[in-house]
Structure formats: structure tokens, C-alpha cells
Amino acid sequence: MSEPTTPYRPRCLHLTCKSMQVFGENFENDPEYQAGMTEFWCTQTFTAQGPDGGYTSLELCSNPERECFKEF
């Protein structure tokens, strides 16, 4: 059995980006996806800020200690 290429990393249910809309959970394989360069938004606020006023990104929205975090 092969090991996953990246370890499981929880992310917020409300985080999304264009690549996620098209490729779903396989979004990192989108040819247009560039880590650190992709614009994410929160589906609760529909802006680049979450309901807690903090910015959105894959890194920031993978923090379970963030008050608005809901694990996907």
C-alpha cells in the first residue's frame, strides 16, 4: 500500500478557491494552482476575510484554534 504524498491537514469547511470549485479535493493538481499565489475566500463572508476578521489562506484556515474554524 502506498503512503499519501502529503499528510492529512485539516482545513476549514468554509475555505474555497477557484481550483477547489473545479477540481474539488484534488485542487492542488490544477495546472493553474500555485501554492502561495492562489486567492482563497470564505464562503461565510464571500471575501478574503473570515468571520473573525482574519485573512484567508490554506495555511491560516487550517488552524483548528481559529474561532471560526469548522473542520472539513
C-alpha atoms as a PDB file:
ATOM      1  CA  MET A   1       0.000   0.000   0.000  1.00  0.00           C
ATOM      2  CA  SER A   2       1.464   3.367  -0.961  1.00  0.00           C
ATOM      3  CA  GLU A   3       1.733   6.227   1.509  1.00  0.00           C
ATOM      4  CA  PRO A   4      -0.043   9.520   0.771  1.00  0.00           C
ATOM      5  CA  THR A   5       2.190  12.171  -0.770  1.00  0.00           C
ATOM      6  CA  THR A   6       1.074  14.800   1.744  1.00  0.00           C
ATOM      7  CA  PRO A   7      -0.043  14.147   5.304  1.00  0.00           C
ATOM      8  CA  TYR A   8      -3.629  14.883   6.269  1.00  0.00           C
ATOM      9  CA  ARG A   9      -4.058  18.513   7.172  1.00  0.00           C
ATOM     10  CA  PRO A  10      -7.448  19.710   8.368  1.00  0.00           C
ATOM     11  CA  ARG A  11      -8.831  22.811   6.726  1.00  0.00           C
ATOM     12  CA  CYS A  12     -11.902  24.882   7.321  1.00  0.00           C
ATOM     13  CA  LEU A  13     -15.117  23.792   5.659  1.00  0.00           C
ATOM     14  CA  HIS A  14     -15.764  27.393   4.569  1.00  0.00           C
ATOM     15  CA  LEU A  15     -12.452  27.908   2.728  1.00  0.00           C
ATOM     16  CA  THR A  16     -12.610  27.848  -1.068  1.00  0.00           C
ATOM     17  CA  CYS A  17     -10.788  28.982  -4.207  1.00  0.00           C
ATOM     18  CA  LYS A  18     -11.302  28.668  -7.958  1.00  0.00           C
ATOM     19  CA  SER A  19      -9.261  25.440  -8.101  1.00  0.00           C
ATOM     20  CA  MET A  20     -11.437  23.888  -5.386  1.00  0.00           C
ATOM     21  CA  GLN A  21     -14.565  24.819  -7.334  1.00  0.00           C
ATOM     22  CA  VAL A  22     -13.281  22.987 -10.425  1.00  0.00           C
ATOM     23  CA  PHE A  23     -11.089  20.157  -9.088  1.00  0.00           C
ATOM     24  CA  GLY A  24     -12.621  19.562  -5.644  1.00  0.00           C
ATOM     25  CA  GLU A  25     -10.301  17.942  -3.116  1.00  0.00           C
ATOM     26  CA  ASN A  26      -7.752  17.322  -5.859  1.00  0.00           C
ATOM     27  CA  PHE A  27      -7.361  21.105  -6.296  1.00  0.00           C
ATOM     28  CA  GLU A  28      -3.576  21.108  -5.803  1.00  0.00           C
ATOM     29  CA  ASN A  29      -3.261  19.177  -9.092  1.00  0.00           C
ATOM     30  CA  ASP A  30      -4.944  22.001 -11.036  1.00  0.00           C
ATOM     31  CA  PRO A  31      -2.321  23.218 -13.545  1.00  0.00           C
ATOM     32  CA  GLU A  32      -3.243  26.812 -12.641  1.00  0.00           C
ATOM     33  CA  TYR A  33      -2.916  26.274  -8.868  1.00  0.00           C
ATOM     34  CA  GLN A  34       0.183  27.927  -7.417  1.00  0.00           C
ATOM     35  CA  ALA A  35       0.793  27.436  -3.706  1.00  0.00           C
ATOM     36  CA  GLY A  36       1.047  30.820  -2.025  1.00  0.00           C
ATOM     37  CA  MET A  37      -0.340  32.630  -5.066  1.00  0.00           C
ATOM     38  CA  THR A  38      -3.936  31.393  -5.079  1.00  0.00           C
ATOM     39  CA  GLU A  39      -6.733  33.682  -3.915  1.00  0.00           C
ATOM     40  CA  PHE A  40      -8.878  31.974  -1.287  1.00  0.00           C
ATOM     41  CA  TRP A  41     -12.134  33.250   0.173  1.00  0.00           C
ATOM     42  CA  CYS A  42     -14.508  32.314   2.947  1.00  0.00           C
ATOM     43  CA  THR A  43     -17.956  31.073   1.981  1.00  0.00           C
ATOM     44  CA  GLN A  44     -19.407  32.646   5.125  1.00  0.00           C
ATOM     45  CA  THR A  45     -18.295  36.174   4.225  1.00  0.00           C
ATOM     46  CA  PHE A  46     -17.581  35.777   0.476  1.00  0.00           C
ATOM     47  CA  THR A  47     -14.452  37.888   0.990  1.00  0.00           C
ATOM     48  CA  ALA A  48     -10.772  37.250   1.679  1.00  0.00           C
ATOM     49  CA  GLN A  49     -11.520  37.626   5.391  1.00  0.00           C
ATOM     50  CA  GLY A  50     -13.222  35.144   7.665  1.00  0.00           C
ATOM     51  CA  PRO A  51     -15.998  35.998  10.127  1.00  0.00           C
ATOM     52  CA  ASP A  52     -13.324  36.530  12.780  1.00  0.00           C
ATOM     53  CA  GLY A  53     -11.770  39.359  10.723  1.00  0.00           C
ATOM     54  CA  GLY A  54      -8.633  37.341   9.902  1.00  0.00           C
ATOM     55  CA  TYR A  55      -7.380  36.776   6.376  1.00  0.00           C
ATOM     56  CA  THR A  56      -7.999  33.567   4.447  1.00  0.00           C
ATOM     57  CA  SER A  57      -5.362  31.203   3.092  1.00  0.00           C
ATOM     58  CA  LEU A  58      -4.827  27.466   3.123  1.00  0.00           C
ATOM     59  CA  GLU A  59      -2.301  27.911   5.924  1.00  0.00           C
ATOM     60  CA  LEU A  60      -4.376  30.286   8.068  1.00  0.00           C
ATOM     61  CA  CYS A  61      -7.622  28.374   7.595  1.00  0.00           C
ATOM     62  CA  SER A  62      -6.018  25.070   8.587  1.00  0.00           C
ATOM     63  CA  ASN A  63      -5.602  26.236  12.167  1.00  0.00           C
ATOM     64  CA  PRO A  64      -8.142  24.420  14.390  1.00  0.00           C
ATOM     65  CA  GLU A  65      -7.630  27.060  17.087  1.00  0.00           C
ATOM     66  CA  ARG A  66      -9.112  29.790  14.901  1.00  0.00           C
ATOM     67  CA  GLU A  67     -12.514  30.722  16.372  1.00  0.00           C
ATOM     68  CA  CYS A  68     -14.395  30.355  13.061  1.00  0.00           C
ATOM     69  CA  PHE A  69     -12.734  27.027  12.103  1.00  0.00           C
ATOM     70  CA  LYS A  70     -15.058  24.151  11.139  1.00  0.00           C
ATOM     71  CA  GLU A  71     -13.150  21.035  10.057  1.00  0.00           C
ATOM     72  CA  PHE A  72     -13.881  19.834   6.522  1.00  0.00           C
END
